[in-house]
């Protein structure tokens, strides 16, 4: 079951499900059925790719060879429980932190279990399947599922990798630091501009360009060379001034600033950018300075 002609049922029509559906459609794959707890959004997606909107996951699964679960992690078990006639089908989830144990019931009902998790930020209203092109995708499953998911990923221009199930949570944490938690950091950085009278749109454009370049540097220069800023330069005075203004305008960010700065230190040392005295001065400033 991997000649590219298998039909696909999509469960979930959120950002990830929508991106995979459009990506599959653009690659010539057939998404024949969609089920979602948001029928309006699902209908729009179904109309766009020529799929049928089904009233429940089981009905969608009956109409396809492959069932892709693009739902919140905690919803997987309940949906799998509802899938009755899946013998011989591939059932795969897109949860980065979950292994194949989440699909044990499907395996017990004769399905081939797998998972595919694109390492990419997919946001509602974002670039959708275009953002998937060139991204890495973590793939797991039995022999049948892995073969199909690998070919599917390659059709969508994803680069497949294998993550051992024992390390799925750590892998997902790494991706979440960048794709999830960093977005909160970015939003907080944008809001600092409002303290100087500039609006969010101006800040988002300016900082968004910086984030793009930081990503290019990470990919092109690697670690530790992509790590930069006042910590790497040894600018103790700048660090002190950052802490001072944060204590006034955004005191809730002071602990975060300290922690992020401490994370930069070993990479600055690895690069040979700091000597022992500079490292000690920065460490003392970060850990012992009083902001009152």
C-alpha atoms as a PDB file:
ATOM      1  CA  UNK A   1       0.000   0.000   0.000  1.00  0.00           C
ATOM      2  CA  UNK A   2       2.331   2.738  -1.202  1.00  0.00           C
ATOM      3  CA  UNK A   3       1.798   3.393  -4.893  1.00  0.00           C
ATOM      4  CA  UNK A   4       0.397   6.897  -4.326  1.00  0.00           C
ATOM      5  CA  UNK A   5      -3.148   5.958  -5.306  1.00  0.00           C
ATOM      6  CA  UNK A   6      -4.396   5.260  -1.774  1.00  0.00           C
ATOM      7  CA  UNK A   7      -7.317   7.355  -0.646  1.00  0.00           C
ATOM      8  CA  UNK A   8      -6.939   9.485   2.481  1.00  0.00           C
ATOM      9  CA  UNK A   9      -9.407  10.353   5.214  1.00  0.00           C
ATOM     10  CA  UNK A  10      -8.499  13.427   7.220  1.00  0.00           C
ATOM     11  CA  UNK A  11      -9.726  13.717  10.795  1.00  0.00           C
ATOM     12  CA  UNK A  12      -9.394  17.321  11.917  1.00  0.00           C
ATOM     13  CA  UNK A  13      -9.479  20.497   9.856  1.00  0.00           C
ATOM     14  CA  UNK A  14      -7.265  22.774  11.915  1.00  0.00           C
ATOM     15  CA  UNK A  15      -4.050  24.391  10.728  1.00  0.00           C
ATOM     16  CA  UNK A  16      -2.090  21.142  10.401  1.00  0.00           C
ATOM     17  CA  UNK A  17      -4.933  19.153   8.862  1.00  0.00           C
ATOM     18  CA  UNK A  18      -5.639  21.911   6.369  1.00  0.00           C
ATOM     19  CA  UNK A  19      -1.964  22.205   5.417  1.00  0.00           C
ATOM     20  CA  UNK A  20      -1.595  18.452   4.885  1.00  0.00           C
ATOM     21  CA  UNK A  21      -4.844  18.292   2.931  1.00  0.00           C
ATOM     22  CA  UNK A  22      -3.834  21.052   0.544  1.00  0.00           C
ATOM     23  CA  UNK A  23      -0.326  19.640   0.303  1.00  0.00           C
ATOM     24  CA  UNK A  24      -1.675  16.202  -0.541  1.00  0.00           C
ATOM     25  CA  UNK A  25      -4.069  17.647  -3.093  1.00  0.00           C
ATOM     26  CA  UNK A  26      -1.304  19.697  -4.727  1.00  0.00           C
ATOM     27  CA  UNK A  27       0.861  16.570  -4.897  1.00  0.00           C
ATOM     28  CA  UNK A  28      -1.858  14.585  -6.652  1.00  0.00           C
ATOM     29  CA  UNK A  29      -2.852  12.553  -3.595  1.00  0.00           C
ATOM     30  CA  UNK A  30      -6.571  11.880  -3.088  1.00  0.00           C
ATOM     31  CA  UNK A  31      -8.149  13.136   0.114  1.00  0.00           C
ATOM     32  CA  UNK A  32     -11.611  11.654  -0.213  1.00  0.00           C
ATOM     33  CA  UNK A  33     -13.172  12.285   3.207  1.00  0.00           C
ATOM     34  CA  UNK A  34     -12.909  14.814   6.042  1.00  0.00           C
ATOM     35  CA  UNK A  35     -14.404  14.788   9.530  1.00  0.00           C
ATOM     36  CA  UNK A  36     -14.045  17.557  12.079  1.00  0.00           C
ATOM     37  CA  UNK A  37     -15.668  18.992  15.191  1.00  0.00           C
ATOM     38  CA  UNK A  38     -15.791  22.264  13.217  1.00  0.00           C
ATOM     39  CA  UNK A  39     -18.046  21.349  10.275  1.00  0.00           C
ATOM     40  CA  UNK A  40     -18.094  24.822   8.742  1.00  0.00           C
ATOM     41  CA  UNK A  41     -14.326  24.979   8.459  1.00  0.00           C
ATOM     42  CA  UNK A  42     -14.207  21.365   7.331  1.00  0.00           C
ATOM     43  CA  UNK A  43     -16.789  21.989   4.614  1.00  0.00           C
ATOM     44  CA  UNK A  44     -14.707  24.845   3.216  1.00  0.00           C
ATOM     45  CA  UNK A  45     -11.682  22.566   3.105  1.00  0.00           C
ATOM     46  CA  UNK A  46     -13.654  19.697   1.580  1.00  0.00           C
ATOM     47  CA  UNK A  47     -15.011  21.955  -1.149  1.00  0.00           C
ATOM     48  CA  UNK A  48     -11.523  23.255  -1.929  1.00  0.00           C
ATOM     49  CA  UNK A  49      -9.995  19.810  -2.511  1.00  0.00           C
ATOM     50  CA  UNK A  50     -13.024  17.844  -3.721  1.00  0.00           C
ATOM     51  CA  UNK A  51     -13.473  15.732  -0.601  1.00  0.00           C
ATOM     52  CA  UNK A  52     -16.640  14.575   1.153  1.00  0.00           C
ATOM     53  CA  UNK A  53     -17.530  15.984   4.559  1.00  0.00           C
ATOM     54  CA  UNK A  54     -18.490  13.174   6.938  1.00  0.00           C
ATOM     55  CA  UNK A  55     -20.400  13.483  10.181  1.00  0.00           C
ATOM     56  CA  UNK A  56     -17.964  11.448  12.287  1.00  0.00           C
ATOM     57  CA  UNK A  57     -14.415  10.036  12.113  1.00  0.00           C
ATOM     58  CA  UNK A  58     -15.585   6.454  11.624  1.00  0.00           C
ATOM     59  CA  UNK A  59     -17.648   7.359   8.572  1.00  0.00           C
ATOM     60  CA  UNK A  60     -14.671   9.178   7.067  1.00  0.00           C
ATOM     61  CA  UNK A  61     -12.343   6.258   7.812  1.00  0.00           C
ATOM     62  CA  UNK A  62     -14.628   3.854   5.970  1.00  0.00           C
ATOM     63  CA  UNK A  63     -14.143   5.857   2.782  1.00  0.00           C
ATOM     64  CA  UNK A  64     -10.340   5.715   2.653  1.00  0.00           C
ATOM     65  CA  UNK A  65      -7.271   3.506   2.778  1.00  0.00           C
ATOM     66  CA  UNK A  66      -5.323   5.853   5.076  1.00  0.00           C
ATOM     67  CA  UNK A  67      -6.650   7.742   8.100  1.00  0.00           C
ATOM     68  CA  UNK A  68      -4.663  10.805   9.187  1.00  0.00           C
ATOM     69  CA  UNK A  69      -5.495  12.055  12.688  1.00  0.00           C
ATOM     70  CA  UNK A  70      -4.714  15.792  12.746  1.00  0.00           C
ATOM     71  CA  UNK A  71      -6.229  16.459  16.148  1.00  0.00           C
ATOM     72  CA  UNK A  72      -5.030  17.612  19.589  1.00  0.00           C
ATOM     73  CA  UNK A  73      -2.872  15.025  21.335  1.00  0.00           C
ATOM     74  CA  UNK A  74      -5.406  14.355  24.069  1.00  0.00           C
ATOM     75  CA  UNK A  75      -8.156  13.662  21.505  1.00  0.00           C
ATOM     76  CA  UNK A  76      -6.333  10.802  19.760  1.00  0.00           C
ATOM     77  CA  UNK A  77      -7.418   8.004  22.077  1.00  0.00           C
ATOM     78  CA  UNK A  78     -11.086   8.898  21.897  1.00  0.00           C
ATOM     79  CA  UNK A  79     -11.073   9.098  18.126  1.00  0.00           C
ATOM     80  CA  UNK A  80      -9.205   5.834  17.730  1.00  0.00           C
ATOM     81  CA  UNK A  81     -11.790   4.202  19.989  1.00  0.00           C
ATOM     82  CA  UNK A  82     -14.512   5.316  17.574  1.00  0.00           C
ATOM     83  CA  UNK A  83     -12.833   3.786  14.505  1.00  0.00           C
ATOM     84  CA  UNK A  84     -14.425   0.374  13.919  1.00  0.00           C
ATOM     85  CA  UNK A  85     -13.793  -0.787  10.363  1.00  0.00           C
ATOM     86  CA  UNK A  86     -10.085  -0.105   9.849  1.00  0.00           C
ATOM     87  CA  UNK A  87      -8.687  -3.590   9.263  1.00  0.00           C
ATOM     88  CA  UNK A  88      -5.914  -3.300   6.695  1.00  0.00           C
ATOM     89  CA  UNK A  89      -5.961   0.510   6.767  1.00  0.00           C
ATOM     90  CA  UNK A  90      -3.133   2.780   7.818  1.00  0.00           C
ATOM     91  CA  UNK A  91      -4.014   4.917  10.834  1.00  0.00           C
ATOM     92  CA  UNK A  92      -1.474   7.660  11.551  1.00  0.00           C
ATOM     93  CA  UNK A  93      -1.435  10.620  13.921  1.00  0.00           C
ATOM     94  CA  UNK A  94       0.428  13.919  13.635  1.00  0.00           C
ATOM     95  CA  UNK A  95       1.263  14.365  17.334  1.00  0.00           C
ATOM     96  CA  UNK A  96       4.951  15.036  17.829  1.00  0.00           C
ATOM     97  CA  UNK A  97       5.089  13.915  21.458  1.00  0.00           C
ATOM     98  CA  UNK A  98       3.062  10.735  21.003  1.00  0.00           C
ATOM     99  CA  UNK A  99       4.439   7.382  19.965  1.00  0.00           C
ATOM    100  CA  UNK A 100       2.642   4.424  18.450  1.00  0.00           C
ATOM    101  CA  UNK A 101       1.222   3.331  21.791  1.00  0.00           C
ATOM    102  CA  UNK A 102      -1.514   5.914  21.236  1.00  0.00           C
ATOM    103  CA  UNK A 103      -2.720   3.721  18.357  1.00  0.00           C
ATOM    104  CA  UNK A 104      -2.653   0.337  20.095  1.00  0.00           C
ATOM    105  CA  UNK A 105      -6.419  -0.065  19.836  1.00  0.00           C
ATOM    106  CA  UNK A 106      -6.259   0.556  16.086  1.00  0.00           C
ATOM    107  CA  UNK A 107      -3.569  -2.100  15.779  1.00  0.00           C
ATOM    108  CA  UNK A 108      -5.783  -4.477  17.720  1.00  0.00           C
ATOM    109  CA  UNK A 109      -8.464  -3.890  15.119  1.00  0.00           C
ATOM    110  CA  UNK A 110      -6.116  -4.818  12.281  1.00  0.00           C
ATOM    111  CA  UNK A 111      -4.782  -1.421  11.252  1.00  0.00           C
ATOM    112  CA  UNK A 112      -1.209  -0.454  10.445  1.00  0.00           C
ATOM    113  CA  UNK A 113      -0.088   2.254  12.909  1.00  0.00           C
ATOM    114  CA  UNK A 114       2.098   5.209  12.062  1.00  0.00           C
ATOM    115  CA  UNK A 115       2.830   8.850  12.769  1.00  0.00           C
ATOM    116  CA  UNK A 116       4.031  11.848  10.793  1.00  0.00           C
ATOM    117  CA  UNK A 117       4.957  15.098  12.500  1.00  0.00           C
ATOM    118  CA  UNK A 118       6.225  18.028  10.392  1.00  0.00           C
ATOM    119  CA  UNK A 119       8.857  20.068  12.236  1.00  0.00           C
ATOM    120  CA  UNK A 120       7.346  23.378  11.205  1.00  0.00           C
ATOM    121  CA  UNK A 121       5.213  26.203  12.549  1.00  0.00           C
ATOM    122  CA  UNK A 122       1.790  25.821  10.943  1.00  0.00           C
ATOM    123  CA  UNK A 123      -0.582  28.584  12.002  1.00  0.00           C
ATOM    124  CA  UNK A 124      -4.157  29.334  11.015  1.00  0.00           C
ATOM    125  CA  UNK A 125      -3.941  32.024   8.358  1.00  0.00           C
ATOM    126  CA  UNK A 126      -0.251  31.277   7.751  1.00  0.00           C
ATOM    127  CA  UNK A 127       1.433  29.873   4.647  1.00  0.00           C
ATOM    128  CA  UNK A 128      -0.162  26.475   5.092  1.00  0.00           C
ATOM    129  CA  UNK A 129       1.209  23.691   2.917  1.00  0.00           C
ATOM    130  CA  UNK A 130       3.752  26.059   1.371  1.00  0.00           C
ATOM    131  CA  UNK A 131       5.468  26.170   4.776  1.00  0.00           C
ATOM    132  CA  UNK A 132       5.850  22.383   4.692  1.00  0.00           C
ATOM    133  CA  UNK A 133       8.120  22.412   1.653  1.00  0.00           C
ATOM    134  CA  UNK A 134      11.657  21.717   2.743  1.00  0.00           C
ATOM    135  CA  UNK A 135      10.690  21.016   6.361  1.00  0.00           C
ATOM    136  CA  UNK A 136      11.729  17.913   8.267  1.00  0.00           C
ATOM    137  CA  UNK A 137       9.103  15.333   9.242  1.00  0.00           C
ATOM    138  CA  UNK A 138       9.457  12.753  12.011  1.00  0.00           C
ATOM    139  CA  UNK A 139       8.019   9.441  10.818  1.00  0.00           C
ATOM    140  CA  UNK A 140       7.343   6.239  12.731  1.00  0.00           C
ATOM    141  CA  UNK A 141       5.236   3.145  12.208  1.00  0.00           C
ATOM    142  CA  UNK A 142       5.212  -0.468  11.195  1.00  0.00           C
ATOM    143  CA  UNK A 143       6.741  -1.459   7.870  1.00  0.00           C
ATOM    144  CA  UNK A 144       3.582  -0.737   5.861  1.00  0.00           C
ATOM    145  CA  UNK A 145       2.845   2.580   7.524  1.00  0.00           C
ATOM    146  CA  UNK A 146       6.448   3.791   7.369  1.00  0.00           C
ATOM    147  CA  UNK A 147       6.738   3.033   3.676  1.00  0.00           C
ATOM    148  CA  UNK A 148       3.540   4.908   2.865  1.00  0.00           C
ATOM    149  CA  UNK A 149       4.236   7.870   5.158  1.00  0.00           C
ATOM    150  CA  UNK A 150       7.769   8.260   3.808  1.00  0.00           C
ATOM    151  CA  UNK A 151       6.512   8.397   0.234  1.00  0.00           C
ATOM    152  CA  UNK A 152       3.715  10.766   1.287  1.00  0.00           C
ATOM    153  CA  UNK A 153       6.205  13.068   3.031  1.00  0.00           C
ATOM    154  CA  UNK A 154       8.466  13.119  -0.006  1.00  0.00           C
ATOM    155  CA  UNK A 155       5.520  13.991  -2.252  1.00  0.00           C
ATOM    156  CA  UNK A 156       4.872  16.997  -0.004  1.00  0.00           C
ATOM    157  CA  UNK A 157       8.605  17.894  -0.231  1.00  0.00           C
ATOM    158  CA  UNK A 158       9.214  17.024   3.419  1.00  0.00           C
ATOM    159  CA  UNK A 159      12.472  15.408   4.555  1.00  0.00           C
ATOM    160  CA  UNK A 160      11.710  12.276   6.634  1.00  0.00           C
ATOM    161  CA  UNK A 161      13.645  11.382   9.787  1.00  0.00           C
ATOM    162  CA  UNK A 162      13.097   8.658  12.372  1.00  0.00           C
ATOM    163  CA  UNK A 163      12.761   9.511  16.085  1.00  0.00           C
ATOM    164  CA  UNK A 164      12.905   6.595  18.583  1.00  0.00           C
ATOM    165  CA  UNK A 165       9.688   6.365  20.549  1.00  0.00           C
ATOM    166  CA  UNK A 166      11.571   6.604  23.855  1.00  0.00           C
ATOM    167  CA  UNK A 167      12.741  10.095  22.851  1.00  0.00           C
ATOM    168  CA  UNK A 168       9.563  11.453  21.282  1.00  0.00           C
ATOM    169  CA  UNK A 169       8.817  13.779  24.202  1.00  0.00           C
ATOM    170  CA  UNK A 170      12.329  15.257  24.147  1.00  0.00           C
ATOM    171  CA  UNK A 171      12.187  15.682  20.377  1.00  0.00           C
ATOM    172  CA  UNK A 172       8.819  17.394  20.622  1.00  0.00           C
ATOM    173  CA  UNK A 173      10.052  19.614  23.442  1.00  0.00           C
ATOM    174  CA  UNK A 174      12.864  20.812  21.197  1.00  0.00           C
ATOM    175  CA  UNK A 175      10.391  21.654  18.427  1.00  0.00           C
ATOM    176  CA  UNK A 176       7.986  23.262  20.905  1.00  0.00           C
ATOM    177  CA  UNK A 177      10.670  25.564  22.281  1.00  0.00           C
ATOM    178  CA  UNK A 178      10.990  27.009  18.789  1.00  0.00           C
ATOM    179  CA  UNK A 179       7.556  26.528  17.260  1.00  0.00           C
ATOM    180  CA  UNK A 180       5.407  27.074  20.345  1.00  0.00           C
ATOM    181  CA  UNK A 181       7.062  28.731  23.308  1.00  0.00           C
ATOM    182  CA  UNK A 182       9.172  31.053  21.176  1.00  0.00           C
ATOM    183  CA  UNK A 183       6.008  32.545  19.714  1.00  0.00           C
ATOM    184  CA  UNK A 184       5.065  33.779  23.185  1.00  0.00           C
ATOM    185  CA  UNK A 185       8.534  35.296  23.500  1.00  0.00           C
ATOM    186  CA  UNK A 186       8.129  36.975  20.114  1.00  0.00           C
ATOM    187  CA  UNK A 187       4.727  38.375  21.060  1.00  0.00           C
ATOM    188  CA  UNK A 188       6.162  39.753  24.313  1.00  0.00           C
ATOM    189  CA  UNK A 189       9.038  41.344  22.399  1.00  0.00           C
ATOM    190  CA  UNK A 190       6.553  42.974  20.036  1.00  0.00           C
ATOM    191  CA  UNK A 191       4.556  44.391  22.929  1.00  0.00           C
ATOM    192  CA  UNK A 192       7.658  46.088  24.346  1.00  0.00           C
ATOM    193  CA  UNK A 193       7.501  48.410  21.344  1.00  0.00           C
ATOM    194  CA  UNK A 194       4.153  49.729  22.568  1.00  0.00           C
ATOM    195  CA  UNK A 195       6.027  51.276  25.511  1.00  0.00           C
ATOM    196  CA  UNK A 196       7.841  53.516  23.055  1.00  0.00           C
ATOM    197  CA  UNK A 197       4.713  54.490  21.134  1.00  0.00           C
ATOM    198  CA  UNK A 198       4.966  52.133  18.159  1.00  0.00           C
ATOM    199  CA  UNK A 199       2.208  49.734  17.232  1.00  0.00           C
ATOM    200  CA  UNK A 200       2.294  45.963  17.021  1.00  0.00           C
ATOM    201  CA  UNK A 201       2.260  45.869  13.223  1.00  0.00           C
ATOM    202  CA  UNK A 202       5.464  47.899  12.955  1.00  0.00           C
ATOM    203  CA  UNK A 203       7.143  45.795  15.642  1.00  0.00           C
ATOM    204  CA  UNK A 204       5.990  42.505  14.146  1.00  0.00           C
ATOM    205  CA  UNK A 205       7.438  43.423  10.762  1.00  0.00           C
ATOM    206  CA  UNK A 206      10.761  44.523  12.222  1.00  0.00           C
ATOM    207  CA  UNK A 207      11.211  41.591  14.576  1.00  0.00           C
ATOM    208  CA  UNK A 208       9.776  39.081  12.117  1.00  0.00           C
ATOM    209  CA  UNK A 209      12.580  39.920   9.689  1.00  0.00           C
ATOM    210  CA  UNK A 210      15.107  39.376  12.487  1.00  0.00           C
ATOM    211  CA  UNK A 211      13.616  35.977  13.304  1.00  0.00           C
ATOM    212  CA  UNK A 212      13.817  34.929   9.666  1.00  0.00           C
ATOM    213  CA  UNK A 213      17.489  35.878   9.517  1.00  0.00           C
ATOM    214  CA  UNK A 214      18.181  34.133  12.837  1.00  0.00           C
ATOM    215  CA  UNK A 215      16.668  31.001  11.326  1.00  0.00           C
ATOM    216  CA  UNK A 216      18.860  31.315   8.244  1.00  0.00           C
ATOM    217  CA  UNK A 217      21.902  31.758  10.486  1.00  0.00           C
ATOM    218  CA  UNK A 218      21.006  28.717  12.561  1.00  0.00           C
ATOM    219  CA  UNK A 219      20.672  26.609   9.432  1.00  0.00           C
ATOM    220  CA  UNK A 220      23.725  28.037   7.682  1.00  0.00           C
ATOM    221  CA  UNK A 221      26.158  28.726  10.526  1.00  0.00           C
ATOM    222  CA  UNK A 222      25.031  26.116  13.042  1.00  0.00           C
ATOM    223  CA  UNK A 223      25.710  26.030  16.781  1.00  0.00           C
ATOM    224  CA  UNK A 224      27.450  27.849  18.426  1.00  0.00           C
ATOM    225  CA  UNK A 225      28.091  30.414  15.665  1.00  0.00           C
ATOM    226  CA  UNK A 226      24.431  31.385  15.271  1.00  0.00           C
ATOM    227  CA  UNK A 227      24.197  32.461  18.931  1.00  0.00           C
ATOM    228  CA  UNK A 228      24.689  36.222  19.204  1.00  0.00           C
ATOM    229  CA  UNK A 229      23.793  39.349  21.123  1.00  0.00           C
ATOM    230  CA  UNK A 230      25.186  41.276  24.095  1.00  0.00           C
ATOM    231  CA  UNK A 231      26.040  38.077  25.988  1.00  0.00           C
ATOM    232  CA  UNK A 232      28.336  36.881  23.193  1.00  0.00           C
ATOM    233  CA  UNK A 233      29.849  40.366  22.884  1.00  0.00           C
ATOM    234  CA  UNK A 234      30.453  40.598  26.624  1.00  0.00           C
ATOM    235  CA  UNK A 235      28.508  43.866  26.911  1.00  0.00           C
ATOM    236  CA  UNK A 236      27.909  43.941  30.666  1.00  0.00           C
ATOM    237  CA  UNK A 237      26.743  47.548  30.564  1.00  0.00           C
ATOM    238  CA  UNK A 238      24.074  46.723  27.991  1.00  0.00           C
ATOM    239  CA  UNK A 239      22.887  43.762  30.037  1.00  0.00           C
ATOM    240  CA  UNK A 240      22.600  45.991  33.126  1.00  0.00           C
ATOM    241  CA  UNK A 241      20.597  48.543  31.141  1.00  0.00           C
ATOM    242  CA  UNK A 242      18.284  45.813  29.802  1.00  0.00           C
ATOM    243  CA  UNK A 243      17.590  44.622  33.327  1.00  0.00           C
ATOM    244  CA  UNK A 244      16.978  48.186  34.495  1.00  0.00           C
ATOM    245  CA  UNK A 245      14.367  49.044  31.864  1.00  0.00           C
ATOM    246  CA  UNK A 246      12.721  45.642  32.125  1.00  0.00           C
ATOM    247  CA  UNK A 247      12.264  46.159  35.864  1.00  0.00           C
ATOM    248  CA  UNK A 248      10.389  49.365  35.033  1.00  0.00           C
ATOM    249  CA  UNK A 249       8.393  48.525  31.914  1.00  0.00           C
ATOM    250  CA  UNK A 250       8.020  44.733  31.956  1.00  0.00           C
ATOM    251  CA  UNK A 251       9.090  43.281  35.301  1.00  0.00           C
ATOM    252  CA  UNK A 252       7.447  39.947  34.475  1.00  0.00           C
ATOM    253  CA  UNK A 253      10.107  39.439  31.781  1.00  0.00           C
ATOM    254  CA  UNK A 254      13.106  39.896  34.101  1.00  0.00           C
ATOM    255  CA  UNK A 255      13.358  36.194  35.107  1.00  0.00           C
ATOM    256  CA  UNK A 256      12.931  35.153  31.478  1.00  0.00           C
ATOM    257  CA  UNK A 257      15.666  37.557  30.343  1.00  0.00           C
ATOM    258  CA  UNK A 258      18.022  36.222  32.981  1.00  0.00           C
ATOM    259  CA  UNK A 259      17.354  32.597  32.022  1.00  0.00           C
ATOM    260  CA  UNK A 260      17.720  33.185  28.298  1.00  0.00           C
ATOM    261  CA  UNK A 261      20.939  35.111  28.839  1.00  0.00           C
ATOM    262  CA  UNK A 262      22.368  32.311  30.979  1.00  0.00           C
ATOM    263  CA  UNK A 263      21.571  29.874  28.163  1.00  0.00           C
ATOM    264  CA  UNK A 264      23.716  31.926  25.787  1.00  0.00           C
ATOM    265  CA  UNK A 265      26.811  31.858  28.013  1.00  0.00           C
ATOM    266  CA  UNK A 266      28.154  28.351  27.297  1.00  0.00           C
ATOM    267  CA  UNK A 267      27.773  28.897  23.549  1.00  0.00           C
ATOM    268  CA  UNK A 268      29.631  32.196  23.797  1.00  0.00           C
ATOM    269  CA  UNK A 269      32.403  30.374  25.655  1.00  0.00           C
ATOM    270  CA  UNK A 270      32.393  27.560  23.090  1.00  0.00           C
ATOM    271  CA  UNK A 271      32.973  30.158  20.393  1.00  0.00           C
ATOM    272  CA  UNK A 272      35.849  31.616  22.375  1.00  0.00           C
ATOM    273  CA  UNK A 273      34.095  34.990  22.459  1.00  0.00           C
ATOM    274  CA  UNK A 274      34.420  35.459  26.235  1.00  0.00           C
ATOM    275  CA  UNK A 275      37.305  35.108  28.608  1.00  0.00           C
ATOM    276  CA  UNK A 276      36.952  33.952  32.212  1.00  0.00           C
ATOM    277  CA  UNK A 277      36.673  37.475  33.623  1.00  0.00           C
ATOM    278  CA  UNK A 278      33.931  38.452  31.170  1.00  0.00           C
ATOM    279  CA  UNK A 279      32.012  35.267  31.900  1.00  0.00           C
ATOM    280  CA  UNK A 280      32.205  35.905  35.631  1.00  0.00           C
ATOM    281  CA  UNK A 281      31.112  39.536  35.225  1.00  0.00           C
ATOM    282  CA  UNK A 282      28.101  38.574  33.118  1.00  0.00           C
ATOM    283  CA  UNK A 283      27.132  35.740  35.450  1.00  0.00           C
ATOM    284  CA  UNK A 284      27.339  38.047  38.473  1.00  0.00           C
ATOM    285  CA  UNK A 285      25.223  40.679  36.736  1.00  0.00           C
ATOM    286  CA  UNK A 286      22.558  38.202  35.708  1.00  0.00           C
ATOM    287  CA  UNK A 287      22.285  36.337  38.988  1.00  0.00           C
ATOM    288  CA  UNK A 288      22.943  38.977  41.609  1.00  0.00           C
ATOM    289  CA  UNK A 289      21.909  42.373  40.277  1.00  0.00           C
ATOM    290  CA  UNK A 290      19.111  44.044  42.240  1.00  0.00           C
ATOM    291  CA  UNK A 291      16.569  45.732  39.987  1.00  0.00           C
ATOM    292  CA  UNK A 292      14.805  47.738  42.666  1.00  0.00           C
END
